[in-house]
């Protein structure tokens, strides 16, 4: 019953179509469920099956459930009090759009030591939530947040170690389209929870606006 309600709440209307599209189909098409060929004991509960190619697939129902949980948590403390971090190449644009639409702050690229733990540094900050895109890539931010007692929400793929995360969102945190979809869904749910967006209403920005563009090296 809980998951049924979740699906109902996550139905969206795409601007280029006249009928509602089930968010489940959107997740499937985005590759959000596609993991790697490695799994940890921490991510085992979030895995549903293995493909013929040996890739572990994540549970879309659990991803949606964690998005809803995260949105409620973020709204409770205020998006302006969170910092979204990532050292991943394709996470930059999605995070910038997320922050633009929610009022959160971002920290992209290298996470300087002492950012969350050394008040004497000029770049020291005191967020109430730290949001990371990968527990491995963003390890410095995760360690400092843990030491400072700051709750951490993290996107986690099948190979990640999640013992220091407070909320785990199982998701493909490598793919360009998957990351765009993930942050778009989270923004949408935050706005719905705040009453700023109706469940059957389109957002001002589409998933494509959240997606990192191909680099010249990739094109070549």
N, C-alpha and C. Protein backbone atom coordinates (compact mmCIF):
# COMPACT_ATOMS: atom_id res chain seq x y z
N UNK A 1 0.82 -1.20 0.00
CA UNK A 1 0.00 0.00 0.00
C UNK A 1 0.86 1.26 0.00
N UNK A 2 1.95 1.25 0.78
CA UNK A 2 2.83 2.40 0.86
C UNK A 2 3.45 2.70 -0.50
N UNK A 3 3.94 1.64 -1.17
CA UNK A 3 4.57 1.84 -2.47
C UNK A 3 3.54 2.31 -3.51
N UNK A 4 2.32 1.81 -3.42
CA UNK A 4 1.29 2.24 -4.35
C UNK A 4 1.06 3.75 -4.21
N UNK A 5 0.98 4.21 -2.98
CA UNK A 5 0.79 5.64 -2.72
C UNK A 5 1.98 6.42 -3.26
N UNK A 6 3.19 5.86 -3.07
CA UNK A 6 4.39 6.53 -3.58
C UNK A 6 4.33 6.69 -5.09
N UNK A 7 3.93 5.63 -5.79
CA UNK A 7 3.82 5.72 -7.25
C UNK A 7 2.80 6.78 -7.64
N UNK A 8 1.68 6.81 -6.92
CA UNK A 8 0.64 7.79 -7.24
C UNK A 8 1.16 9.22 -7.07
N UNK A 9 1.90 9.42 -6.02
CA UNK A 9 2.42 10.75 -5.73
C UNK A 9 3.51 11.17 -6.69
N UNK A 10 4.18 10.19 -7.28
CA UNK A 10 5.30 10.50 -8.16
C UNK A 10 4.92 10.51 -9.64
N UNK A 11 3.62 10.45 -9.94
CA UNK A 11 3.22 10.57 -11.35
C UNK A 11 3.44 12.00 -11.79
N UNK A 12 3.97 12.19 -12.98
CA UNK A 12 4.31 13.52 -13.47
C UNK A 12 3.66 13.77 -14.80
N UNK A 13 3.60 15.01 -15.16
CA UNK A 13 3.12 15.38 -16.48
C UNK A 13 4.29 15.99 -17.25
N UNK A 14 4.66 15.38 -18.37
CA UNK A 14 5.75 15.88 -19.19
C UNK A 14 5.18 16.92 -20.16
N UNK A 15 5.86 18.02 -20.35
CA UNK A 15 5.32 19.12 -21.14
C UNK A 15 5.13 18.75 -22.61
N UNK A 16 5.93 17.79 -23.12
CA UNK A 16 5.82 17.46 -24.52
C UNK A 16 4.79 16.36 -24.78
N UNK A 17 4.09 15.90 -23.74
CA UNK A 17 3.09 14.86 -23.91
C UNK A 17 1.76 15.30 -23.32
N UNK A 18 0.67 14.70 -23.76
CA UNK A 18 -0.64 15.11 -23.28
C UNK A 18 -1.15 14.22 -22.16
N UNK A 19 -0.47 13.12 -21.90
CA UNK A 19 -0.94 12.23 -20.86
C UNK A 19 0.14 12.01 -19.81
N UNK A 20 -0.30 11.67 -18.63
CA UNK A 20 0.64 11.47 -17.53
C UNK A 20 1.55 10.29 -17.82
N UNK A 21 2.81 10.42 -17.41
CA UNK A 21 3.79 9.36 -17.59
C UNK A 21 4.16 8.82 -16.22
N UNK A 22 4.10 7.53 -16.08
CA UNK A 22 4.45 6.92 -14.80
C UNK A 22 5.94 7.13 -14.54
N UNK A 23 6.25 7.60 -13.33
CA UNK A 23 7.64 7.90 -12.99
C UNK A 23 8.50 6.65 -13.07
N UNK A 24 7.89 5.49 -12.92
CA UNK A 24 8.64 4.23 -13.01
C UNK A 24 9.27 4.08 -14.40
N UNK A 25 8.52 4.45 -15.43
CA UNK A 25 9.05 4.38 -16.79
C UNK A 25 10.18 5.37 -16.98
N UNK A 26 10.02 6.54 -16.38
CA UNK A 26 11.06 7.55 -16.46
C UNK A 26 12.36 7.05 -15.84
N UNK A 27 12.26 6.39 -14.72
CA UNK A 27 13.43 5.86 -14.04
C UNK A 27 14.10 4.78 -14.89
N UNK A 28 13.30 3.91 -15.48
CA UNK A 28 13.85 2.84 -16.32
C UNK A 28 14.61 3.41 -17.51
N UNK A 29 14.03 4.41 -18.16
CA UNK A 29 14.64 4.98 -19.35
C UNK A 29 15.89 5.80 -19.06
N UNK A 30 15.97 6.32 -17.84
CA UNK A 30 17.11 7.17 -17.48
C UNK A 30 18.35 6.38 -17.08
N UNK A 31 18.18 5.09 -16.83
CA UNK A 31 19.31 4.28 -16.37
C UNK A 31 19.60 4.46 -14.90
N UNK A 32 18.65 5.05 -14.17
CA UNK A 32 18.84 5.33 -12.75
C UNK A 32 19.03 4.06 -11.92
N UNK A 33 18.46 2.96 -12.40
CA UNK A 33 18.55 1.69 -11.66
C UNK A 33 19.81 0.89 -11.99
N UNK A 34 20.52 1.27 -13.02
CA UNK A 34 21.65 0.47 -13.50
C UNK A 34 22.86 0.67 -12.60
N UNK A 35 23.29 -0.41 -11.96
CA UNK A 35 24.46 -0.36 -11.10
C UNK A 35 25.72 -0.79 -11.82
N UNK A 36 26.68 -1.28 -11.06
CA UNK A 36 27.95 -1.74 -11.63
C UNK A 36 28.01 -3.27 -11.51
N UNK A 37 29.16 -3.83 -11.85
CA UNK A 37 29.33 -5.29 -11.72
C UNK A 37 29.94 -5.66 -10.37
N UNK A 38 29.93 -4.70 -9.45
CA UNK A 38 30.44 -4.93 -8.09
C UNK A 38 29.34 -4.55 -7.09
N UNK A 39 29.19 -5.34 -6.03
CA UNK A 39 28.23 -4.97 -4.99
C UNK A 39 28.89 -5.12 -3.62
N UNK A 40 28.49 -4.26 -2.71
CA UNK A 40 28.98 -4.33 -1.33
C UNK A 40 27.86 -4.87 -0.45
N UNK A 41 28.23 -5.29 0.73
CA UNK A 41 27.23 -5.79 1.67
C UNK A 41 26.26 -4.68 2.07
N UNK A 42 26.73 -3.43 1.98
CA UNK A 42 25.89 -2.30 2.35
C UNK A 42 24.77 -2.07 1.34
N UNK A 43 25.05 -2.33 0.06
CA UNK A 43 24.08 -2.05 -0.99
C UNK A 43 23.26 -3.28 -1.39
N UNK A 44 23.60 -4.41 -0.84
CA UNK A 44 22.88 -5.64 -1.18
C UNK A 44 21.36 -5.52 -0.99
N UNK A 45 20.87 -4.89 0.08
CA UNK A 45 19.42 -4.79 0.28
C UNK A 45 18.70 -3.98 -0.81
N UNK A 46 19.45 -3.17 -1.55
CA UNK A 46 18.85 -2.31 -2.56
C UNK A 46 18.91 -2.92 -3.96
N UNK A 47 19.45 -4.11 -4.09
CA UNK A 47 19.64 -4.75 -5.40
C UNK A 47 18.54 -5.77 -5.65
N UNK A 48 17.98 -5.73 -6.86
CA UNK A 48 16.88 -6.64 -7.18
C UNK A 48 17.31 -7.82 -8.04
N UNK A 49 18.26 -7.61 -8.97
CA UNK A 49 18.66 -8.69 -9.86
C UNK A 49 20.00 -8.37 -10.50
N UNK A 50 20.51 -9.33 -11.27
CA UNK A 50 21.73 -9.17 -12.03
C UNK A 50 21.41 -9.36 -13.51
N UNK A 51 21.91 -8.49 -14.36
CA UNK A 51 21.66 -8.62 -15.80
C UNK A 51 22.56 -9.69 -16.40
N UNK A 52 22.29 -10.04 -17.65
CA UNK A 52 23.12 -11.03 -18.36
C UNK A 52 24.55 -10.53 -18.51
N UNK A 53 24.72 -9.21 -18.49
CA UNK A 53 26.06 -8.63 -18.61
C UNK A 53 26.79 -8.58 -17.27
N UNK A 54 26.11 -9.00 -16.22
CA UNK A 54 26.74 -9.02 -14.89
C UNK A 54 26.58 -7.73 -14.11
N UNK A 55 25.68 -6.86 -14.54
CA UNK A 55 25.45 -5.61 -13.82
C UNK A 55 24.33 -5.81 -12.79
N UNK A 56 24.52 -5.25 -11.62
CA UNK A 56 23.50 -5.33 -10.58
C UNK A 56 22.49 -4.20 -10.77
N UNK A 57 21.21 -4.52 -10.63
CA UNK A 57 20.15 -3.54 -10.82
C UNK A 57 19.56 -3.12 -9.48
N UNK A 58 19.38 -1.82 -9.32
CA UNK A 58 18.85 -1.27 -8.08
C UNK A 58 17.33 -1.26 -8.06
N UNK A 59 16.77 -1.22 -6.88
CA UNK A 59 15.33 -1.25 -6.68
C UNK A 59 14.74 0.15 -6.84
N UNK A 60 13.97 0.38 -7.91
CA UNK A 60 13.39 1.69 -8.17
C UNK A 60 12.42 2.13 -7.09
N UNK A 61 11.68 1.19 -6.50
CA UNK A 61 10.74 1.52 -5.43
C UNK A 61 11.48 2.13 -4.23
N UNK A 62 12.62 1.55 -3.90
CA UNK A 62 13.38 2.04 -2.75
C UNK A 62 14.00 3.40 -3.07
N UNK A 63 14.38 3.61 -4.32
CA UNK A 63 14.92 4.91 -4.72
C UNK A 63 13.87 5.99 -4.51
N UNK A 64 12.65 5.73 -4.95
CA UNK A 64 11.57 6.70 -4.78
C UNK A 64 11.26 6.95 -3.31
N UNK A 65 11.26 5.90 -2.54
CA UNK A 65 10.99 6.03 -1.10
C UNK A 65 12.04 6.92 -0.43
N UNK A 66 13.30 6.74 -0.81
CA UNK A 66 14.38 7.54 -0.22
C UNK A 66 14.36 8.98 -0.71
N UNK A 67 13.90 9.20 -1.95
CA UNK A 67 13.75 10.56 -2.45
C UNK A 67 12.72 11.30 -1.60
N UNK A 68 11.61 10.64 -1.31
CA UNK A 68 10.57 11.25 -0.50
C UNK A 68 11.06 11.54 0.91
N UNK A 69 11.79 10.61 1.48
CA UNK A 69 12.35 10.81 2.82
C UNK A 69 13.32 11.98 2.84
N UNK A 70 14.18 12.04 1.83
CA UNK A 70 15.18 13.11 1.75
C UNK A 70 14.52 14.47 1.57
N UNK A 71 13.48 14.53 0.74
CA UNK A 71 12.78 15.80 0.51
C UNK A 71 12.16 16.32 1.80
N UNK A 72 11.56 15.44 2.57
CA UNK A 72 10.96 15.84 3.84
C UNK A 72 12.03 16.36 4.81
N UNK A 73 13.17 15.66 4.86
CA UNK A 73 14.26 16.04 5.75
C UNK A 73 14.83 17.39 5.35
N UNK A 74 15.05 17.59 4.05
CA UNK A 74 15.61 18.85 3.55
C UNK A 74 14.67 20.00 3.83
N UNK A 75 13.38 19.80 3.61
CA UNK A 75 12.41 20.88 3.88
C UNK A 75 12.32 21.20 5.37
N UNK A 76 12.53 20.19 6.19
CA UNK A 76 12.44 20.40 7.64
C UNK A 76 13.56 21.34 8.13
N UNK A 77 14.75 21.20 7.58
CA UNK A 77 15.87 22.05 8.02
C UNK A 77 16.03 23.29 7.13
N UNK A 78 15.38 23.27 5.97
CA UNK A 78 15.50 24.39 5.04
C UNK A 78 16.60 24.13 4.02
N UNK A 79 16.26 24.14 2.75
CA UNK A 79 17.25 23.86 1.70
C UNK A 79 18.42 24.83 1.73
N UNK A 80 18.18 26.05 2.21
CA UNK A 80 19.26 27.04 2.28
C UNK A 80 20.33 26.64 3.30
N UNK A 81 20.03 25.65 4.12
CA UNK A 81 20.99 25.20 5.14
C UNK A 81 21.73 23.93 4.75
N UNK A 82 21.62 23.51 3.49
CA UNK A 82 22.34 22.32 3.07
C UNK A 82 23.40 22.68 2.04
N UNK A 83 24.41 21.84 1.96
CA UNK A 83 25.46 21.99 0.95
C UNK A 83 25.51 20.70 0.14
N UNK A 84 25.52 20.84 -1.17
CA UNK A 84 25.54 19.70 -2.07
C UNK A 84 26.93 19.60 -2.68
N UNK A 85 27.59 18.47 -2.46
CA UNK A 85 28.98 18.30 -2.88
C UNK A 85 29.11 17.22 -3.95
N UNK A 86 30.08 17.41 -4.81
CA UNK A 86 30.43 16.34 -5.75
C UNK A 86 31.72 16.64 -6.47
N UNK A 87 32.51 15.58 -6.62
CA UNK A 87 33.71 15.66 -7.43
C UNK A 87 33.51 14.95 -8.76
N UNK A 88 32.31 14.45 -9.01
CA UNK A 88 32.02 13.73 -10.25
C UNK A 88 31.78 14.69 -11.41
N UNK A 89 32.28 14.31 -12.57
CA UNK A 89 32.22 15.15 -13.75
C UNK A 89 30.79 15.51 -14.15
N UNK A 90 29.91 14.53 -14.19
CA UNK A 90 28.56 14.76 -14.69
C UNK A 90 27.59 15.28 -13.65
N UNK A 91 28.04 15.44 -12.42
CA UNK A 91 27.14 15.89 -11.36
C UNK A 91 27.07 17.41 -11.24
N UNK A 92 28.02 18.11 -11.83
CA UNK A 92 28.09 19.56 -11.68
C UNK A 92 26.85 20.31 -12.13
N UNK A 93 26.42 20.09 -13.36
CA UNK A 93 25.25 20.80 -13.89
C UNK A 93 23.98 20.42 -13.13
N UNK A 94 23.71 19.13 -12.88
CA UNK A 94 22.52 18.78 -12.09
C UNK A 94 22.50 19.45 -10.72
N UNK A 95 23.65 19.51 -10.08
CA UNK A 95 23.72 20.12 -8.75
C UNK A 95 23.48 21.63 -8.83
N UNK A 96 24.06 22.27 -9.83
CA UNK A 96 23.85 23.71 -9.99
C UNK A 96 22.37 24.03 -10.20
N UNK A 97 21.69 23.22 -11.00
CA UNK A 97 20.26 23.43 -11.24
C UNK A 97 19.46 23.15 -9.97
N UNK A 98 19.85 22.11 -9.26
CA UNK A 98 19.19 21.78 -7.99
C UNK A 98 19.27 22.96 -7.03
N UNK A 99 20.46 23.52 -6.89
CA UNK A 99 20.67 24.63 -5.96
C UNK A 99 19.94 25.89 -6.43
N UNK A 100 19.92 26.11 -7.73
CA UNK A 100 19.22 27.26 -8.30
C UNK A 100 17.73 27.22 -7.97
N UNK A 101 17.14 26.03 -8.00
CA UNK A 101 15.71 25.90 -7.81
C UNK A 101 15.28 25.70 -6.37
N UNK A 102 16.22 25.38 -5.49
CA UNK A 102 15.86 25.13 -4.08
C UNK A 102 16.46 26.13 -3.10
N UNK A 103 17.52 26.83 -3.52
CA UNK A 103 18.18 27.75 -2.60
C UNK A 103 19.32 27.11 -1.83
N UNK A 104 19.63 25.84 -2.15
CA UNK A 104 20.76 25.17 -1.50
C UNK A 104 22.07 25.73 -2.05
N UNK A 105 23.17 25.41 -1.38
CA UNK A 105 24.50 25.84 -1.82
C UNK A 105 25.26 24.62 -2.33
N UNK A 106 26.18 24.86 -3.25
CA UNK A 106 26.94 23.73 -3.79
C UNK A 106 28.44 23.90 -3.57
N UNK A 107 29.12 22.79 -3.57
CA UNK A 107 30.58 22.75 -3.43
C UNK A 107 31.07 21.69 -4.42
N UNK A 108 31.52 22.15 -5.58
CA UNK A 108 31.92 21.25 -6.65
C UNK A 108 33.44 21.13 -6.73
N UNK A 109 33.91 20.00 -7.22
CA UNK A 109 35.35 19.79 -7.34
C UNK A 109 35.97 19.32 -6.04
N UNK A 110 37.22 19.65 -5.85
CA UNK A 110 37.93 19.18 -4.66
C UNK A 110 37.35 19.79 -3.39
N UNK A 111 37.16 18.95 -2.39
CA UNK A 111 36.65 19.39 -1.09
C UNK A 111 37.86 19.65 -0.19
N UNK A 112 38.10 20.91 0.13
CA UNK A 112 39.29 21.28 0.88
C UNK A 112 39.21 20.80 2.33
N UNK A 113 40.28 20.19 2.82
CA UNK A 113 40.31 19.74 4.22
C UNK A 113 40.05 20.89 5.19
N UNK A 114 39.23 20.64 6.19
CA UNK A 114 38.92 21.65 7.18
C UNK A 114 37.68 22.47 6.88
N UNK A 115 37.07 22.24 5.72
CA UNK A 115 35.90 23.02 5.33
C UNK A 115 34.78 22.95 6.36
N UNK A 116 34.61 21.78 6.97
CA UNK A 116 33.54 21.59 7.95
C UNK A 116 34.05 21.45 9.37
N UNK A 117 35.36 21.42 9.54
CA UNK A 117 35.90 21.10 10.87
C UNK A 117 36.86 22.14 11.46
N UNK A 118 37.30 23.10 10.66
CA UNK A 118 38.28 24.07 11.15
C UNK A 118 37.74 25.50 11.06
N UNK A 119 37.18 26.03 12.16
CA UNK A 119 36.58 27.37 12.15
C UNK A 119 37.56 28.50 11.83
N UNK A 120 38.83 28.24 11.94
CA UNK A 120 39.82 29.30 11.68
C UNK A 120 40.07 29.52 10.19
N UNK A 121 39.60 28.61 9.37
CA UNK A 121 39.81 28.74 7.93
C UNK A 121 38.80 29.69 7.31
N UNK A 122 39.21 30.48 6.30
CA UNK A 122 38.29 31.46 5.69
C UNK A 122 37.14 30.82 4.94
N UNK A 123 37.30 29.57 4.53
CA UNK A 123 36.25 28.90 3.77
C UNK A 123 35.42 27.93 4.63
N UNK A 124 35.58 28.02 5.94
CA UNK A 124 34.82 27.17 6.87
C UNK A 124 33.32 27.44 6.77
N UNK A 125 32.52 26.39 6.77
CA UNK A 125 31.07 26.54 6.70
C UNK A 125 30.41 25.60 7.72
N UNK A 126 29.16 25.90 8.07
CA UNK A 126 28.42 25.09 9.03
C UNK A 126 27.03 24.73 8.50
N UNK A 127 26.95 23.86 7.52
CA UNK A 127 25.64 23.45 7.00
C UNK A 127 24.94 22.52 7.99
N UNK A 128 23.63 22.35 7.80
CA UNK A 128 22.87 21.45 8.66
C UNK A 128 22.72 20.07 8.02
N UNK A 129 22.92 20.00 6.72
CA UNK A 129 22.92 18.73 5.98
C UNK A 129 23.99 18.80 4.91
N UNK A 130 24.68 17.71 4.71
CA UNK A 130 25.60 17.58 3.58
C UNK A 130 25.03 16.52 2.64
N UNK A 131 24.95 16.86 1.36
CA UNK A 131 24.42 15.95 0.35
C UNK A 131 25.56 15.63 -0.62
N UNK A 132 25.87 14.34 -0.77
CA UNK A 132 26.96 13.95 -1.65
C UNK A 132 26.45 13.06 -2.78
N UNK A 133 27.20 13.03 -3.87
CA UNK A 133 26.79 12.23 -5.03
C UNK A 133 27.47 10.87 -5.09
N UNK A 134 28.53 10.70 -4.29
CA UNK A 134 29.24 9.43 -4.30
C UNK A 134 30.09 9.31 -3.03
N UNK A 135 29.83 8.33 -2.17
CA UNK A 135 30.59 8.18 -0.92
C UNK A 135 32.09 7.99 -1.13
N UNK A 136 32.47 7.46 -2.29
CA UNK A 136 33.90 7.25 -2.56
C UNK A 136 34.55 8.52 -3.09
N UNK A 137 33.97 9.10 -4.11
CA UNK A 137 34.53 10.32 -4.72
C UNK A 137 34.49 11.48 -3.74
N UNK A 138 33.43 11.56 -2.96
CA UNK A 138 33.25 12.67 -2.01
C UNK A 138 33.60 12.26 -0.58
N UNK A 139 34.61 11.42 -0.48
CA UNK A 139 34.99 10.87 0.83
C UNK A 139 35.40 11.94 1.83
N UNK A 140 36.13 12.97 1.38
CA UNK A 140 36.58 14.01 2.30
C UNK A 140 35.39 14.73 2.94
N UNK A 141 34.41 15.06 2.12
CA UNK A 141 33.21 15.73 2.65
C UNK A 141 32.47 14.81 3.63
N UNK A 142 32.41 13.53 3.29
CA UNK A 142 31.73 12.56 4.15
C UNK A 142 32.43 12.41 5.49
N UNK A 143 33.74 12.31 5.48
CA UNK A 143 34.51 12.17 6.71
C UNK A 143 34.34 13.40 7.60
N UNK A 144 34.46 14.59 7.00
CA UNK A 144 34.36 15.81 7.79
C UNK A 144 32.96 16.01 8.36
N UNK A 145 31.95 15.70 7.56
CA UNK A 145 30.58 15.84 8.05
C UNK A 145 30.34 14.90 9.23
N UNK A 146 30.85 13.69 9.11
CA UNK A 146 30.70 12.70 10.18
C UNK A 146 31.39 13.19 11.45
N UNK A 147 32.60 13.71 11.31
CA UNK A 147 33.36 14.22 12.46
C UNK A 147 32.68 15.44 13.09
N UNK A 148 31.99 16.22 12.26
CA UNK A 148 31.33 17.43 12.76
C UNK A 148 29.91 17.15 13.24
N UNK A 149 29.45 15.91 13.10
CA UNK A 149 28.11 15.56 13.54
C UNK A 149 27.01 16.08 12.63
N UNK A 150 27.34 16.28 11.35
CA UNK A 150 26.37 16.79 10.38
C UNK A 150 25.76 15.61 9.61
N UNK A 151 24.43 15.51 9.55
CA UNK A 151 23.80 14.40 8.81
C UNK A 151 24.18 14.43 7.33
N UNK A 152 24.32 13.26 6.75
CA UNK A 152 24.71 13.16 5.34
C UNK A 152 23.70 12.33 4.56
N UNK A 153 23.25 12.89 3.44
CA UNK A 153 22.43 12.17 2.47
C UNK A 153 23.33 11.86 1.29
N UNK A 154 23.29 10.65 0.78
CA UNK A 154 24.19 10.31 -0.32
C UNK A 154 23.57 9.43 -1.39
N UNK A 155 23.86 9.76 -2.64
CA UNK A 155 23.52 8.86 -3.74
C UNK A 155 24.53 7.73 -3.70
N UNK A 156 24.07 6.49 -3.81
CA UNK A 156 24.98 5.36 -3.67
C UNK A 156 24.70 4.30 -4.73
N UNK A 157 25.75 3.91 -5.41
CA UNK A 157 25.66 2.85 -6.41
C UNK A 157 25.97 1.51 -5.75
N UNK A 158 25.93 0.45 -6.51
CA UNK A 158 26.05 -0.89 -5.93
C UNK A 158 27.41 -1.17 -5.29
N UNK A 159 28.46 -0.45 -5.72
CA UNK A 159 29.79 -0.73 -5.20
C UNK A 159 30.18 0.17 -4.04
N UNK A 160 29.28 1.06 -3.60
CA UNK A 160 29.63 2.02 -2.56
C UNK A 160 29.54 1.45 -1.15
N UNK A 161 30.35 2.02 -0.26
CA UNK A 161 30.31 1.73 1.17
C UNK A 161 29.51 2.85 1.82
N UNK A 162 28.45 2.50 2.51
CA UNK A 162 27.50 3.51 2.97
C UNK A 162 27.36 3.59 4.49
N UNK A 163 28.32 3.04 5.21
CA UNK A 163 28.20 2.95 6.67
C UNK A 163 28.12 4.31 7.36
N UNK A 164 28.60 5.39 6.71
CA UNK A 164 28.59 6.70 7.34
C UNK A 164 27.45 7.60 6.85
N UNK A 165 26.59 7.06 6.00
CA UNK A 165 25.48 7.85 5.48
C UNK A 165 24.27 7.74 6.40
N UNK A 166 23.55 8.84 6.56
CA UNK A 166 22.33 8.83 7.36
C UNK A 166 21.12 8.45 6.51
N UNK A 167 21.11 8.91 5.25
CA UNK A 167 20.08 8.51 4.30
C UNK A 167 20.77 8.05 3.01
N UNK A 168 20.47 6.85 2.60
CA UNK A 168 21.05 6.29 1.38
C UNK A 168 20.00 6.35 0.27
N UNK A 169 20.34 7.00 -0.83
CA UNK A 169 19.46 6.99 -2.00
C UNK A 169 20.12 6.08 -3.05
N UNK A 170 19.60 4.86 -3.22
CA UNK A 170 20.22 3.95 -4.20
C UNK A 170 19.99 4.47 -5.62
N UNK A 171 21.08 4.69 -6.33
CA UNK A 171 20.95 5.26 -7.67
C UNK A 171 22.25 5.13 -8.45
N UNK A 172 22.13 5.10 -9.74
CA UNK A 172 23.28 5.19 -10.64
C UNK A 172 23.84 6.60 -10.49
N UNK A 173 25.00 6.72 -9.85
CA UNK A 173 25.58 8.04 -9.61
C UNK A 173 26.75 8.34 -10.54
N UNK A 174 26.76 7.67 -11.68
CA UNK A 174 27.80 7.90 -12.68
C UNK A 174 27.27 8.46 -14.00
N UNK A 175 26.11 7.95 -14.41
CA UNK A 175 25.57 8.31 -15.71
C UNK A 175 25.06 9.74 -15.79
N UNK A 176 25.29 10.37 -16.93
CA UNK A 176 24.87 11.75 -17.15
C UNK A 176 23.35 11.90 -17.03
N UNK A 177 22.61 11.06 -17.74
CA UNK A 177 21.15 11.13 -17.71
C UNK A 177 20.60 10.72 -16.34
N UNK A 178 21.21 9.72 -15.74
CA UNK A 178 20.75 9.24 -14.44
C UNK A 178 20.89 10.33 -13.38
N UNK A 179 22.01 11.03 -13.37
CA UNK A 179 22.22 12.09 -12.38
C UNK A 179 21.25 13.24 -12.60
N UNK A 180 21.03 13.59 -13.86
CA UNK A 180 20.08 14.66 -14.17
C UNK A 180 18.69 14.29 -13.68
N UNK A 181 18.28 13.06 -13.94
CA UNK A 181 16.95 12.59 -13.51
C UNK A 181 16.84 12.57 -11.99
N UNK A 182 17.89 12.12 -11.33
CA UNK A 182 17.89 12.01 -9.88
C UNK A 182 17.68 13.38 -9.23
N UNK A 183 18.46 14.36 -9.63
CA UNK A 183 18.34 15.69 -9.02
C UNK A 183 17.04 16.38 -9.42
N UNK A 184 16.56 16.13 -10.63
CA UNK A 184 15.28 16.67 -11.07
C UNK A 184 14.14 16.13 -10.22
N UNK A 185 14.15 14.83 -9.98
CA UNK A 185 13.11 14.21 -9.15
C UNK A 185 13.13 14.75 -7.72
N UNK A 186 14.32 14.96 -7.20
CA UNK A 186 14.43 15.44 -5.83
C UNK A 186 13.94 16.89 -5.73
N UNK A 187 14.32 17.73 -6.70
CA UNK A 187 13.81 19.10 -6.71
C UNK A 187 12.29 19.09 -6.76
N UNK A 188 11.75 18.28 -7.64
CA UNK A 188 10.30 18.23 -7.81
C UNK A 188 9.59 17.84 -6.51
N UNK A 189 10.12 16.83 -5.84
CA UNK A 189 9.50 16.39 -4.60
C UNK A 189 9.63 17.43 -3.50
N UNK A 190 10.73 18.13 -3.45
CA UNK A 190 10.92 19.20 -2.46
C UNK A 190 9.87 20.29 -2.68
N UNK A 191 9.66 20.67 -3.94
CA UNK A 191 8.69 21.72 -4.26
C UNK A 191 7.26 21.27 -3.96
N UNK A 192 6.97 20.00 -4.22
CA UNK A 192 5.64 19.46 -3.92
C UNK A 192 5.41 19.46 -2.41
N UNK A 193 6.42 19.02 -1.66
CA UNK A 193 6.28 18.98 -0.19
C UNK A 193 6.08 20.38 0.39
N UNK A 194 6.68 21.38 -0.26
CA UNK A 194 6.55 22.76 0.22
C UNK A 194 5.25 23.40 -0.23
N UNK A 195 4.54 22.75 -1.13
CA UNK A 195 3.29 23.31 -1.63
C UNK A 195 3.49 24.30 -2.75
N UNK A 196 4.70 24.34 -3.31
CA UNK A 196 5.00 25.29 -4.38
C UNK A 196 4.76 24.69 -5.77
N UNK A 197 4.47 23.39 -5.81
CA UNK A 197 4.22 22.72 -7.09
C UNK A 197 3.16 21.66 -6.87
N UNK A 198 2.20 21.60 -7.76
CA UNK A 198 1.16 20.58 -7.67
C UNK A 198 1.67 19.28 -8.29
N UNK A 199 1.11 18.17 -7.84
CA UNK A 199 1.59 16.87 -8.28
C UNK A 199 1.40 16.64 -9.77
N UNK A 200 0.43 17.29 -10.37
CA UNK A 200 0.18 17.13 -11.80
C UNK A 200 0.66 18.32 -12.62
N UNK A 201 1.54 19.10 -12.01
CA UNK A 201 2.03 20.32 -12.65
C UNK A 201 3.47 20.13 -13.13
N UNK A 202 3.78 20.69 -14.30
CA UNK A 202 5.14 20.59 -14.85
C UNK A 202 6.05 21.61 -14.18
N UNK A 203 7.30 21.24 -14.01
CA UNK A 203 8.28 22.17 -13.49
C UNK A 203 8.73 23.12 -14.60
N UNK A 204 9.31 24.25 -14.19
CA UNK A 204 9.80 25.22 -15.16
C UNK A 204 10.96 24.66 -15.97
N UNK A 205 11.72 23.79 -15.38
CA UNK A 205 12.87 23.19 -16.06
C UNK A 205 12.65 21.70 -16.27
N UNK A 206 13.06 21.22 -17.43
CA UNK A 206 12.93 19.80 -17.76
C UNK A 206 14.21 19.05 -17.36
N UNK A 207 14.16 17.75 -17.44
CA UNK A 207 15.33 16.93 -17.10
C UNK A 207 16.52 17.31 -17.97
N UNK A 208 16.26 17.64 -19.23
CA UNK A 208 17.33 18.02 -20.15
C UNK A 208 18.10 19.25 -19.64
N UNK A 209 17.41 20.12 -18.93
CA UNK A 209 18.08 21.31 -18.38
C UNK A 209 19.04 20.95 -17.26
N UNK A 210 18.84 19.80 -16.65
CA UNK A 210 19.70 19.33 -15.56
C UNK A 210 20.87 18.49 -16.06
N UNK A 211 20.85 18.16 -17.33
CA UNK A 211 21.82 17.18 -17.84
C UNK A 211 23.11 17.84 -18.31
N UNK A 212 24.24 17.29 -17.87
CA UNK A 212 25.54 17.76 -18.32
C UNK A 212 25.70 17.49 -19.81
N UNK A 213 26.36 18.40 -20.50
CA UNK A 213 26.52 18.25 -21.94
C UNK A 213 27.77 17.43 -22.27
N UNK A 214 27.78 16.88 -23.48
CA UNK A 214 28.94 16.13 -23.94
C UNK A 214 30.13 17.09 -24.08
N UNK A 215 31.29 16.62 -23.70
CA UNK A 215 32.51 17.41 -23.91
C UNK A 215 33.05 17.17 -25.31
N UNK A 216 33.94 18.05 -25.77
CA UNK A 216 34.51 17.87 -27.10
C UNK A 216 35.29 16.57 -27.19
N UNK A 217 35.95 16.20 -26.09
CA UNK A 217 36.72 14.95 -26.10
C UNK A 217 35.81 13.76 -26.30
N UNK A 218 34.61 13.78 -25.67
CA UNK A 218 33.68 12.67 -25.81
C UNK A 218 33.13 12.59 -27.22
N UNK A 219 32.86 13.77 -27.80
CA UNK A 219 32.32 13.82 -29.16
C UNK A 219 33.29 13.24 -30.16
N UNK A 220 34.58 13.57 -29.96
CA UNK A 220 35.62 13.04 -30.83
C UNK A 220 35.81 11.55 -30.59
